[in-house]
N, C-alpha and C. Protein backbone atom coordinates (compact mmCIF):
# COMPACT_ATOMS: atom_id res chain seq x y z
N MET A 1 99.83 82.01 82.70
CA MET A 1 99.15 83.22 83.17
C MET A 1 99.99 83.94 84.21
N THR A 2 100.67 83.18 85.09
CA THR A 2 101.50 83.81 86.13
C THR A 2 102.65 84.56 85.52
N ALA A 3 103.29 83.95 84.47
CA ALA A 3 104.42 84.60 83.83
C ALA A 3 103.99 85.91 83.18
N LEU A 4 102.82 85.92 82.55
CA LEU A 4 102.33 87.15 81.93
C LEU A 4 102.00 88.19 82.97
N ALA A 5 101.43 87.76 84.10
CA ALA A 5 101.06 88.72 85.14
C ALA A 5 102.28 89.37 85.76
N ASP A 6 103.43 88.60 85.80
CA ASP A 6 104.63 89.13 86.43
C ASP A 6 105.49 89.90 85.45
N PHE A 7 105.14 89.92 84.16
CA PHE A 7 105.95 90.61 83.16
C PHE A 7 105.82 92.12 83.34
N PRO A 8 106.96 92.86 83.31
CA PRO A 8 106.89 94.30 83.56
C PRO A 8 105.98 95.01 82.57
N GLY A 9 105.26 96.00 83.05
CA GLY A 9 104.35 96.76 82.21
C GLY A 9 105.06 97.88 81.49
N SER A 10 104.30 98.61 80.69
CA SER A 10 104.88 99.68 79.87
C SER A 10 105.50 100.76 80.74
N GLU A 11 104.91 101.01 81.90
CA GLU A 11 105.47 102.04 82.78
C GLU A 11 106.85 101.65 83.26
N SER A 12 107.04 100.36 83.58
CA SER A 12 108.35 99.90 84.04
C SER A 12 109.37 99.97 82.91
N TRP A 13 108.94 99.61 81.69
CA TRP A 13 109.87 99.67 80.56
C TRP A 13 110.26 101.12 80.27
N THR A 14 109.32 102.03 80.37
CA THR A 14 109.63 103.45 80.14
C THR A 14 110.64 103.95 81.16
N ARG A 15 110.43 103.59 82.42
CA ARG A 15 111.37 104.00 83.46
C ARG A 15 112.75 103.39 83.23
N PHE A 16 112.77 102.12 82.81
CA PHE A 16 114.04 101.45 82.56
C PHE A 16 114.79 102.12 81.41
N ALA A 17 114.06 102.44 80.31
CA ALA A 17 114.70 103.10 79.16
C ALA A 17 115.22 104.48 79.55
N THR A 18 114.46 105.21 80.36
CA THR A 18 114.89 106.54 80.81
C THR A 18 116.16 106.44 81.64
N ASN A 19 116.20 105.44 82.52
CA ASN A 19 117.40 105.25 83.35
C ASN A 19 118.62 104.91 82.50
N CYS A 20 118.40 104.07 81.47
CA CYS A 20 119.51 103.71 80.58
C CYS A 20 120.04 104.94 79.85
N LEU A 21 119.14 105.80 79.39
CA LEU A 21 119.56 107.03 78.71
C LEU A 21 120.34 107.92 79.66
N ALA A 22 119.93 107.92 80.93
CA ALA A 22 120.65 108.73 81.91
C ALA A 22 122.07 108.23 82.10
N VAL A 23 122.25 106.90 82.10
CA VAL A 23 123.59 106.32 82.24
C VAL A 23 124.46 106.65 81.02
N VAL A 24 123.87 106.51 79.82
CA VAL A 24 124.61 106.83 78.60
C VAL A 24 125.00 108.30 78.58
N GLY A 25 124.06 109.16 78.97
CA GLY A 25 124.35 110.58 79.02
C GLY A 25 125.46 110.90 80.01
N ALA A 26 125.44 110.18 81.15
CA ALA A 26 126.49 110.39 82.15
C ALA A 26 127.86 109.98 81.61
N PHE A 27 127.90 108.87 80.85
CA PHE A 27 129.17 108.44 80.27
C PHE A 27 129.71 109.50 79.30
N ILE A 28 128.81 110.00 78.43
CA ILE A 28 129.25 111.01 77.45
C ILE A 28 129.74 112.27 78.17
N ALA A 29 129.00 112.69 79.20
CA ALA A 29 129.40 113.88 79.94
C ALA A 29 130.74 113.67 80.63
N GLY A 30 130.92 112.48 81.20
CA GLY A 30 132.19 112.20 81.86
C GLY A 30 133.35 112.13 80.87
N TYR A 31 133.09 111.54 79.70
CA TYR A 31 134.14 111.44 78.66
C TYR A 31 134.56 112.83 78.19
N VAL A 32 133.56 113.68 77.91
CA VAL A 32 133.86 115.04 77.45
C VAL A 32 134.53 115.84 78.56
N GLY A 33 134.04 115.67 79.78
CA GLY A 33 134.65 116.38 80.90
C GLY A 33 136.09 115.96 81.12
N GLY A 34 136.37 114.67 80.96
CA GLY A 34 137.75 114.20 81.09
C GLY A 34 138.65 114.77 80.02
N ALA A 35 138.12 114.85 78.78
CA ALA A 35 138.93 115.42 77.69
C ALA A 35 139.24 116.90 77.95
N ILE A 36 138.23 117.64 78.42
CA ILE A 36 138.44 119.06 78.72
C ILE A 36 139.43 119.22 79.87
N GLY A 37 139.28 118.34 80.87
CA GLY A 37 140.21 118.41 82.00
C GLY A 37 141.63 118.11 81.59
N GLY A 38 141.81 117.12 80.74
CA GLY A 38 143.17 116.80 80.25
C GLY A 38 143.77 117.94 79.46
N TRP A 39 142.95 118.56 78.61
CA TRP A 39 143.44 119.70 77.84
C TRP A 39 143.85 120.85 78.74
N ALA A 40 143.03 121.11 79.80
CA ALA A 40 143.33 122.21 80.72
C ALA A 40 144.61 121.93 81.50
N VAL A 41 144.81 120.69 81.90
CA VAL A 41 146.04 120.35 82.64
C VAL A 41 147.26 120.54 81.75
N ASP A 42 147.14 120.11 80.48
CA ASP A 42 148.26 120.30 79.54
C ASP A 42 148.61 121.78 79.39
N LYS A 43 147.59 122.60 79.26
CA LYS A 43 147.83 124.01 78.94
C LYS A 43 148.33 124.82 80.13
N TRP A 44 147.72 124.60 81.30
CA TRP A 44 148.00 125.50 82.43
C TRP A 44 148.87 124.87 83.53
N VAL A 45 149.03 123.55 83.53
CA VAL A 45 149.84 122.93 84.58
C VAL A 45 151.19 122.50 84.04
N PHE A 46 151.16 121.67 83.00
CA PHE A 46 152.41 121.15 82.48
C PHE A 46 152.95 121.96 81.30
N ALA A 47 152.10 122.78 80.71
CA ALA A 47 152.51 123.63 79.58
C ALA A 47 153.12 122.82 78.44
N LYS A 48 152.60 121.59 78.27
CA LYS A 48 153.06 120.77 77.15
C LYS A 48 151.97 119.77 76.79
N ARG A 49 152.07 119.17 75.65
CA ARG A 49 151.05 118.26 75.13
C ARG A 49 151.29 116.85 75.64
N SER A 50 150.26 116.26 76.26
CA SER A 50 150.34 114.88 76.73
C SER A 50 150.06 113.93 75.58
N PRO A 51 150.49 112.68 75.69
CA PRO A 51 150.19 111.69 74.64
C PRO A 51 148.68 111.53 74.44
N ASP A 52 148.26 111.39 73.19
CA ASP A 52 146.82 111.24 72.89
C ASP A 52 146.23 110.02 73.58
N LEU A 53 147.03 108.96 73.69
CA LEU A 53 146.53 107.73 74.33
C LEU A 53 146.20 107.98 75.80
N ALA A 54 147.04 108.78 76.47
CA ALA A 54 146.79 109.09 77.88
C ALA A 54 145.53 109.92 78.02
N LYS A 55 145.32 110.88 77.11
CA LYS A 55 144.11 111.71 77.16
C LYS A 55 142.86 110.87 76.97
N LYS A 56 142.91 109.96 75.99
CA LYS A 56 141.75 109.11 75.75
C LYS A 56 141.46 108.20 76.94
N ALA A 57 142.54 107.71 77.57
CA ALA A 57 142.37 106.85 78.75
C ALA A 57 141.70 107.61 79.89
N ILE A 58 142.16 108.86 80.10
CA ILE A 58 141.56 109.67 81.16
C ILE A 58 140.09 109.95 80.87
N SER A 59 139.78 110.30 79.62
CA SER A 59 138.40 110.57 79.24
C SER A 59 137.52 109.34 79.44
N LEU A 60 138.06 108.18 79.03
CA LEU A 60 137.30 106.94 79.16
C LEU A 60 137.04 106.60 80.63
N ILE A 61 138.08 106.78 81.45
CA ILE A 61 137.92 106.48 82.88
C ILE A 61 136.88 107.42 83.52
N CYS A 62 136.95 108.71 83.18
CA CYS A 62 135.98 109.67 83.72
C CYS A 62 134.57 109.32 83.29
N GLY A 63 134.40 108.93 82.01
CA GLY A 63 133.08 108.55 81.52
C GLY A 63 132.53 107.33 82.23
N ILE A 64 133.40 106.33 82.42
CA ILE A 64 132.95 105.10 83.09
C ILE A 64 132.58 105.37 84.54
N LEU A 65 133.43 106.15 85.24
CA LEU A 65 133.15 106.44 86.65
C LEU A 65 131.82 107.18 86.82
N LEU A 66 131.59 108.18 85.98
CA LEU A 66 130.35 108.94 86.10
C LEU A 66 129.14 108.07 85.72
N ALA A 67 129.29 107.22 84.72
CA ALA A 67 128.20 106.33 84.31
C ALA A 67 127.86 105.33 85.42
N VAL A 68 128.91 104.80 86.09
CA VAL A 68 128.68 103.86 87.19
C VAL A 68 127.96 104.54 88.34
N LEU A 69 128.37 105.78 88.64
CA LEU A 69 127.72 106.52 89.71
C LEU A 69 126.24 106.76 89.42
N VAL A 70 125.93 107.21 88.20
CA VAL A 70 124.54 107.46 87.83
C VAL A 70 123.74 106.15 87.80
N ALA A 71 124.36 105.07 87.31
CA ALA A 71 123.67 103.77 87.29
C ALA A 71 123.31 103.32 88.69
N PHE A 72 124.22 103.55 89.63
CA PHE A 72 123.92 103.18 91.02
C PHE A 72 122.76 104.00 91.56
N LEU A 73 122.73 105.28 91.21
CA LEU A 73 121.65 106.14 91.71
C LEU A 73 120.29 105.78 91.14
N VAL A 74 120.24 105.45 89.83
CA VAL A 74 118.93 105.20 89.21
C VAL A 74 118.48 103.75 89.29
N PHE A 75 119.46 102.81 89.41
CA PHE A 75 119.09 101.40 89.46
C PHE A 75 119.29 100.78 90.84
N GLY A 76 120.09 101.45 91.68
CA GLY A 76 120.43 100.86 92.96
C GLY A 76 119.32 100.97 93.97
N ALA A 77 119.62 100.55 95.23
CA ALA A 77 118.60 100.52 96.29
C ALA A 77 118.10 101.90 96.66
N GLY A 78 118.89 102.94 96.37
CA GLY A 78 118.46 104.27 96.75
C GLY A 78 117.90 105.08 95.62
N GLY A 79 117.76 104.51 94.41
CA GLY A 79 117.35 105.31 93.27
C GLY A 79 116.11 104.82 92.61
N GLY A 80 115.80 105.41 91.44
CA GLY A 80 114.61 105.04 90.68
C GLY A 80 113.39 105.71 91.26
N SER A 81 112.32 105.76 90.48
CA SER A 81 111.10 106.42 90.93
C SER A 81 110.44 105.65 92.05
N GLY A 82 110.69 104.33 92.10
CA GLY A 82 110.09 103.55 93.18
C GLY A 82 111.09 103.17 94.23
N GLY A 83 112.43 103.30 93.93
CA GLY A 83 113.45 103.02 94.91
C GLY A 83 113.60 101.55 95.20
N GLY A 84 113.21 100.66 94.33
CA GLY A 84 113.29 99.25 94.66
C GLY A 84 113.97 98.42 93.61
N GLY A 85 114.68 98.98 92.61
CA GLY A 85 115.34 98.16 91.62
C GLY A 85 114.87 98.50 90.23
N TRP A 86 115.12 97.57 89.27
CA TRP A 86 114.86 97.85 87.87
C TRP A 86 113.39 97.88 87.54
N PHE A 87 112.66 96.86 87.95
CA PHE A 87 111.26 96.74 87.53
C PHE A 87 110.31 96.63 88.71
N THR A 88 110.75 96.90 89.90
CA THR A 88 109.87 96.64 91.05
C THR A 88 108.86 97.73 91.27
N GLY A 89 109.02 98.90 90.64
CA GLY A 89 108.04 99.97 90.85
C GLY A 89 108.20 100.54 92.23
N ASP A 90 107.16 100.49 93.04
CA ASP A 90 107.18 101.06 94.36
C ASP A 90 107.81 100.09 95.33
N GLY A 91 109.01 100.41 95.81
CA GLY A 91 109.72 99.49 96.68
C GLY A 91 109.16 99.45 98.08
N THR A 92 108.26 100.35 98.44
CA THR A 92 107.74 100.36 99.80
C THR A 92 106.41 99.66 99.93
N ASN A 93 105.75 99.43 98.79
CA ASN A 93 104.41 98.86 98.88
C ASN A 93 104.20 97.78 97.82
N GLY A 94 105.27 97.06 97.47
CA GLY A 94 105.19 96.06 96.43
C GLY A 94 105.23 94.67 96.99
N THR A 95 105.05 93.69 96.12
CA THR A 95 105.10 92.30 96.54
C THR A 95 106.40 91.65 96.15
N GLY A 96 107.36 92.41 95.55
CA GLY A 96 108.63 91.85 95.16
C GLY A 96 108.70 91.52 93.69
N ASN A 97 107.61 91.54 92.96
CA ASN A 97 107.63 91.24 91.54
C ASN A 97 107.00 92.36 90.72
N GLY A 98 106.96 93.56 91.31
CA GLY A 98 106.40 94.70 90.60
C GLY A 98 104.90 94.83 90.73
N GLN A 99 104.26 93.89 91.43
CA GLN A 99 102.82 93.93 91.61
C GLN A 99 102.49 94.62 92.92
N PRO A 100 101.62 95.66 92.94
CA PRO A 100 101.27 96.31 94.19
C PRO A 100 100.47 95.40 95.08
N ARG A 101 100.72 95.47 96.38
CA ARG A 101 99.99 94.64 97.31
C ARG A 101 98.57 95.18 97.46
N ALA A 102 97.62 94.29 97.49
CA ALA A 102 96.22 94.68 97.61
C ALA A 102 95.99 95.38 98.93
N PRO A 103 95.18 96.46 98.95
CA PRO A 103 94.95 97.19 100.19
C PRO A 103 94.39 96.33 101.30
N ASP A 104 93.48 95.38 100.94
CA ASP A 104 92.88 94.58 101.99
C ASP A 104 93.89 93.67 102.63
N ALA A 105 94.97 93.31 101.87
CA ALA A 105 96.01 92.48 102.46
C ALA A 105 96.81 93.27 103.47
N LEU A 106 96.84 94.62 103.33
CA LEU A 106 97.59 95.46 104.24
C LEU A 106 96.78 95.83 105.47
N ASP A 107 95.49 96.09 105.29
CA ASP A 107 94.70 96.71 106.34
C ASP A 107 93.66 95.80 106.97
N ALA A 108 93.45 94.61 106.39
CA ALA A 108 92.38 93.75 106.90
C ALA A 108 92.67 93.33 108.34
N LYS A 109 91.64 93.33 109.18
CA LYS A 109 91.78 92.86 110.55
C LYS A 109 90.49 92.19 110.96
N ASP A 110 90.61 91.22 111.86
CA ASP A 110 89.45 90.49 112.33
C ASP A 110 88.64 91.38 113.28
N PRO A 111 87.32 91.42 113.12
CA PRO A 111 86.50 92.21 114.05
C PRO A 111 86.51 91.57 115.43
N PRO A 112 86.31 92.35 116.47
CA PRO A 112 86.31 91.78 117.83
C PRO A 112 85.09 90.90 118.04
N LYS A 113 85.20 90.01 119.00
CA LYS A 113 84.08 89.15 119.34
C LYS A 113 83.02 89.97 120.05
N ILE A 114 81.77 89.86 119.60
CA ILE A 114 80.67 90.63 120.17
C ILE A 114 79.81 89.72 121.03
N ASP A 115 79.68 90.08 122.31
CA ASP A 115 78.81 89.34 123.22
C ASP A 115 77.56 90.17 123.49
N THR A 116 76.41 89.61 123.17
CA THR A 116 75.14 90.30 123.41
C THR A 116 74.53 89.78 124.70
N PRO A 117 74.11 90.68 125.58
CA PRO A 117 73.52 90.21 126.86
C PRO A 117 72.22 89.45 126.64
N LYS A 118 71.95 88.53 127.55
CA LYS A 118 70.69 87.80 127.49
C LYS A 118 69.56 88.75 127.86
N VAL A 119 68.47 88.64 127.13
CA VAL A 119 67.34 89.53 127.37
C VAL A 119 66.12 88.73 127.79
N VAL A 120 65.28 89.40 128.54
CA VAL A 120 64.03 88.78 128.97
C VAL A 120 62.91 89.37 128.11
N GLU A 121 62.38 88.57 127.20
CA GLU A 121 61.33 89.03 126.30
C GLU A 121 60.00 88.41 126.70
N PRO A 122 58.95 89.18 126.58
CA PRO A 122 57.63 88.59 126.88
C PRO A 122 57.30 87.49 125.90
N LYS A 123 56.64 86.48 126.40
CA LYS A 123 56.28 85.35 125.54
C LYS A 123 55.26 85.81 124.51
N SER A 124 55.58 85.55 123.28
CA SER A 124 54.67 85.94 122.20
C SER A 124 55.03 85.15 120.95
N ASP A 125 54.00 84.86 120.17
CA ASP A 125 54.22 84.16 118.91
C ASP A 125 54.45 85.12 117.75
N ASP A 126 54.37 86.42 118.03
CA ASP A 126 54.58 87.40 116.98
C ASP A 126 56.04 87.35 116.50
N PRO A 127 56.26 87.54 115.20
CA PRO A 127 57.63 87.51 114.69
C PRO A 127 58.47 88.66 115.25
N ARG A 128 59.74 88.39 115.49
CA ARG A 128 60.66 89.39 116.04
C ARG A 128 61.97 89.34 115.25
N ILE A 129 62.58 90.49 115.17
CA ILE A 129 63.92 90.56 114.61
C ILE A 129 64.79 91.34 115.58
N ARG A 130 65.88 90.73 116.02
CA ARG A 130 66.77 91.34 117.01
C ARG A 130 67.89 92.09 116.28
N VAL A 131 68.05 93.35 116.61
CA VAL A 131 69.08 94.17 115.98
C VAL A 131 70.08 94.61 117.06
N THR A 132 71.33 94.19 116.91
CA THR A 132 72.40 94.61 117.81
C THR A 132 73.14 95.78 117.17
N PHE A 133 73.17 96.90 117.88
CA PHE A 133 73.78 98.12 117.34
C PHE A 133 75.25 98.17 117.74
N LEU A 134 76.13 98.17 116.72
CA LEU A 134 77.57 98.13 116.96
C LEU A 134 78.16 99.54 117.00
N GLY A 135 79.31 99.64 117.64
CA GLY A 135 80.03 100.91 117.71
C GLY A 135 81.50 100.65 117.97
N GLY A 136 82.29 101.73 117.99
CA GLY A 136 83.72 101.62 118.28
C GLY A 136 84.45 100.75 117.28
N ASP A 137 85.38 99.91 117.79
CA ASP A 137 86.20 99.09 116.90
C ASP A 137 85.45 97.88 116.36
N ALA A 138 84.17 97.73 116.73
CA ALA A 138 83.37 96.63 116.17
C ALA A 138 82.77 96.99 114.82
N VAL A 139 82.86 98.27 114.44
CA VAL A 139 82.25 98.73 113.19
C VAL A 139 83.24 98.57 112.04
N GLN A 140 82.77 98.05 110.93
CA GLN A 140 83.55 97.91 109.71
C GLN A 140 82.85 98.70 108.60
N GLY A 141 83.45 99.82 108.22
CA GLY A 141 82.84 100.65 107.18
C GLY A 141 81.49 101.17 107.63
N ASP A 142 80.44 100.87 106.85
CA ASP A 142 79.08 101.31 107.20
C ASP A 142 78.25 100.14 107.73
N LEU A 143 78.92 99.12 108.26
CA LEU A 143 78.22 97.93 108.77
C LEU A 143 78.04 98.10 110.28
N PHE A 144 76.90 98.67 110.67
CA PHE A 144 76.67 99.02 112.06
C PHE A 144 75.74 98.06 112.79
N TYR A 145 75.20 97.03 112.11
CA TYR A 145 74.12 96.26 112.71
C TYR A 145 74.35 94.75 112.55
N ARG A 146 73.99 94.02 113.62
CA ARG A 146 73.94 92.55 113.53
C ARG A 146 72.49 92.13 113.75
N LEU A 147 72.04 91.17 112.94
CA LEU A 147 70.64 90.75 112.99
C LEU A 147 70.54 89.35 113.55
N ASP A 148 69.71 89.21 114.58
CA ASP A 148 69.48 87.92 115.24
C ASP A 148 70.82 87.26 115.61
N GLU A 149 71.04 86.03 115.18
CA GLU A 149 72.27 85.31 115.54
C GLU A 149 73.33 85.37 114.44
N ASP A 150 73.05 86.12 113.40
CA ASP A 150 74.01 86.22 112.29
C ASP A 150 75.22 87.06 112.73
N PRO A 151 76.44 86.49 112.72
CA PRO A 151 77.62 87.25 113.17
C PRO A 151 78.12 88.26 112.14
N VAL A 152 77.60 88.21 110.92
CA VAL A 152 78.08 89.11 109.86
C VAL A 152 77.38 90.45 109.98
N PRO A 153 78.12 91.55 110.19
CA PRO A 153 77.48 92.87 110.31
C PRO A 153 76.79 93.28 109.02
N LYS A 154 75.77 94.13 109.16
CA LYS A 154 74.97 94.57 108.03
C LYS A 154 74.94 96.10 107.96
N SER A 155 74.74 96.61 106.76
CA SER A 155 74.52 98.04 106.56
C SER A 155 73.05 98.35 106.80
N PHE A 156 72.71 99.65 106.80
CA PHE A 156 71.31 100.05 106.99
C PHE A 156 70.44 99.52 105.85
N ALA A 157 70.97 99.58 104.62
CA ALA A 157 70.21 99.08 103.47
C ALA A 157 69.96 97.58 103.60
N GLU A 158 70.95 96.83 104.04
CA GLU A 158 70.78 95.38 104.21
C GLU A 158 69.81 95.09 105.35
N LEU A 159 69.87 95.93 106.39
CA LEU A 159 68.93 95.75 107.51
C LEU A 159 67.49 95.91 107.02
N LYS A 160 67.23 96.91 106.19
CA LYS A 160 65.87 97.14 105.68
C LYS A 160 65.37 95.93 104.91
N VAL A 161 66.24 95.38 104.06
CA VAL A 161 65.84 94.22 103.26
C VAL A 161 65.46 93.05 104.17
N ALA A 162 66.28 92.81 105.21
CA ALA A 162 66.01 91.70 106.12
C ALA A 162 64.72 91.92 106.91
N VAL A 163 64.49 93.15 107.32
CA VAL A 163 63.26 93.46 108.07
C VAL A 163 62.02 93.25 107.19
N PHE A 164 62.07 93.75 105.95
CA PHE A 164 60.93 93.55 105.05
C PHE A 164 60.68 92.07 104.79
N LYS A 165 61.74 91.33 104.63
CA LYS A 165 61.59 89.89 104.34
C LYS A 165 60.91 89.16 105.50
N LYS A 166 61.35 89.52 106.72
CA LYS A 166 60.76 88.85 107.88
C LYS A 166 59.32 89.31 108.11
N ARG A 167 59.03 90.58 107.86
CA ARG A 167 57.67 91.10 108.04
C ARG A 167 56.72 90.48 107.04
N ASP A 168 57.16 90.33 105.79
CA ASP A 168 56.30 89.80 104.75
C ASP A 168 56.08 88.29 104.89
N ALA A 169 56.93 87.63 105.70
CA ALA A 169 56.79 86.18 105.85
C ALA A 169 55.69 85.80 106.83
N SER A 170 55.13 86.80 107.54
CA SER A 170 54.09 86.48 108.52
C SER A 170 53.00 87.55 108.47
N ALA A 171 51.79 87.13 108.76
CA ALA A 171 50.67 88.07 108.79
C ALA A 171 50.63 88.85 110.09
N ALA A 172 51.29 88.33 111.13
CA ALA A 172 51.31 88.98 112.44
C ALA A 172 52.25 90.18 112.41
N PRO A 173 52.02 91.17 113.25
CA PRO A 173 52.89 92.36 113.27
C PRO A 173 54.31 92.01 113.74
N LEU A 174 55.26 92.68 113.15
CA LEU A 174 56.68 92.43 113.45
C LEU A 174 57.15 93.36 114.57
N THR A 175 57.99 92.82 115.44
CA THR A 175 58.60 93.61 116.51
C THR A 175 60.11 93.65 116.30
N LEU A 176 60.67 94.86 116.39
CA LEU A 176 62.13 95.02 116.28
C LEU A 176 62.69 95.19 117.69
N VAL A 177 63.57 94.27 118.08
CA VAL A 177 64.16 94.26 119.42
C VAL A 177 65.52 94.95 119.36
N VAL A 178 65.67 96.02 120.14
CA VAL A 178 66.92 96.79 120.16
C VAL A 178 67.86 96.19 121.19
N LEU A 179 69.07 95.84 120.76
CA LEU A 179 70.08 95.25 121.64
C LEU A 179 71.42 95.99 121.47
N PHE A 180 72.23 95.91 122.53
CA PHE A 180 73.57 96.48 122.50
C PHE A 180 74.55 95.44 123.06
N PRO A 181 75.80 95.41 122.56
CA PRO A 181 76.79 94.46 123.08
C PRO A 181 77.05 94.68 124.57
N LYS A 182 77.52 93.62 125.25
CA LYS A 182 77.86 93.71 126.67
C LYS A 182 78.97 94.73 126.89
N ASP A 183 79.99 94.67 126.04
CA ASP A 183 81.12 95.58 126.16
C ASP A 183 80.75 96.93 125.55
N PRO A 184 80.69 98.00 126.33
CA PRO A 184 80.28 99.30 125.78
C PRO A 184 81.22 99.82 124.70
N ARG A 185 82.45 99.32 124.66
CA ARG A 185 83.39 99.75 123.61
C ARG A 185 82.97 99.24 122.25
N HIS A 186 82.14 98.21 122.21
CA HIS A 186 81.70 97.61 120.95
C HIS A 186 80.28 98.01 120.57
N GLY A 187 79.63 98.82 121.41
CA GLY A 187 78.25 99.17 121.14
C GLY A 187 78.06 100.63 120.79
N ALA A 188 76.99 100.91 120.07
CA ALA A 188 76.66 102.29 119.71
C ALA A 188 76.05 103.02 120.90
N ASP A 189 76.16 104.33 120.88
CA ASP A 189 75.49 105.15 121.88
C ASP A 189 73.98 105.07 121.62
N PRO A 190 73.18 104.74 122.64
CA PRO A 190 71.72 104.63 122.43
C PRO A 190 71.10 105.88 121.83
N GLY A 191 71.72 107.04 122.03
CA GLY A 191 71.18 108.27 121.46
C GLY A 191 71.80 108.66 120.14
N SER A 192 72.61 107.76 119.55
CA SER A 192 73.31 108.09 118.31
C SER A 192 72.39 108.04 117.11
N LYS A 193 72.85 108.62 116.02
CA LYS A 193 72.07 108.67 114.79
C LYS A 193 71.84 107.27 114.21
N ASN A 194 72.82 106.39 114.36
CA ASN A 194 72.66 105.04 113.82
C ASN A 194 71.48 104.31 114.48
N VAL A 195 71.25 104.60 115.75
CA VAL A 195 70.12 103.98 116.45
C VAL A 195 68.81 104.68 116.06
N SER A 196 68.82 106.00 116.11
CA SER A 196 67.57 106.74 115.82
C SER A 196 67.11 106.56 114.38
N ASP A 197 68.07 106.42 113.44
CA ASP A 197 67.68 106.20 112.05
C ASP A 197 66.87 104.92 111.91
N VAL A 198 67.31 103.86 112.58
CA VAL A 198 66.63 102.57 112.46
C VAL A 198 65.28 102.60 113.17
N THR A 199 65.27 103.11 114.39
CA THR A 199 64.01 103.12 115.13
C THR A 199 62.96 104.03 114.48
N SER A 200 63.41 105.19 114.00
CA SER A 200 62.45 106.10 113.34
C SER A 200 61.91 105.48 112.06
N TRP A 201 62.77 104.86 111.30
CA TRP A 201 62.34 104.22 110.05
C TRP A 201 61.37 103.08 110.34
N ALA A 202 61.70 102.25 111.37
CA ALA A 202 60.84 101.12 111.70
C ALA A 202 59.43 101.58 112.10
N LYS A 203 59.35 102.68 112.85
CA LYS A 203 58.04 103.19 113.26
C LYS A 203 57.21 103.63 112.07
N THR A 204 57.89 104.23 111.06
CA THR A 204 57.14 104.65 109.86
C THR A 204 56.62 103.45 109.09
N GLN A 205 57.23 102.28 109.30
CA GLN A 205 56.77 101.08 108.62
C GLN A 205 55.75 100.28 109.45
N GLY A 206 55.34 100.85 110.60
CA GLY A 206 54.37 100.17 111.43
C GLY A 206 54.96 99.04 112.26
N ILE A 207 56.26 99.07 112.46
CA ILE A 207 56.95 98.01 113.21
C ILE A 207 57.12 98.46 114.66
N THR A 208 56.77 97.60 115.58
CA THR A 208 56.89 97.90 117.00
C THR A 208 58.36 97.84 117.44
N ILE A 209 58.77 98.82 118.25
CA ILE A 209 60.13 98.87 118.78
C ILE A 209 60.09 98.50 120.25
N THR A 210 61.00 97.60 120.65
CA THR A 210 61.06 97.23 122.06
C THR A 210 62.52 97.15 122.49
N ILE A 211 62.77 97.61 123.72
CA ILE A 211 64.11 97.51 124.31
C ILE A 211 63.94 96.69 125.58
N PRO A 212 64.17 95.37 125.51
CA PRO A 212 63.90 94.50 126.65
C PRO A 212 64.91 94.69 127.75
N PRO A 213 64.54 94.40 129.00
CA PRO A 213 65.50 94.44 130.11
C PRO A 213 66.52 93.31 129.96
N THR A 214 67.71 93.54 130.51
CA THR A 214 68.76 92.53 130.43
C THR A 214 68.99 91.91 131.80
N ASN A 215 69.54 90.68 131.77
CA ASN A 215 69.86 90.00 133.04
C ASN A 215 71.16 90.52 133.62
């Protein structure tokens, strides 16, 4: 399976064939150019006919030199559509075998550690769900929320599912506790849309919103 995955695709073969045709064309152009140059030198410089063998040698040398130059440009480190060799494709974003590197391998980064302040909540047996509102470099895509002690951030849609699940698990009314990280660089603005969307939605569902004092 690995050998098949590393085998050049049709695009690479097309580029390779095009480059080969360019080299052949360069040889023919150089050969013809050398022959014309030899004829011109005979006529206007020496005013006599050079040996045919010498003319053919000059044409051949010109063809080879031009073909080598074009081959270096299309196959060398500075040429080709990807600039990385015969079959590597994109030389700036490849893995060395013609396979593009996955975007997540290029851009993935660990989220910062989020510390939530200790809160003083009134004693109650009613079910509660704690929502920590993230912001700044703590946000990954549309994952703005952490629920209870779960370190994995959640989207708004995932938050709704978790809230419904916890509400339906008890007959007592559910309370949503609003929390923010200790480091303000990792927390959302309390007046931001991400906060108001959740609190407004929770109120429409009959869920109590509380923002407890912190120590």
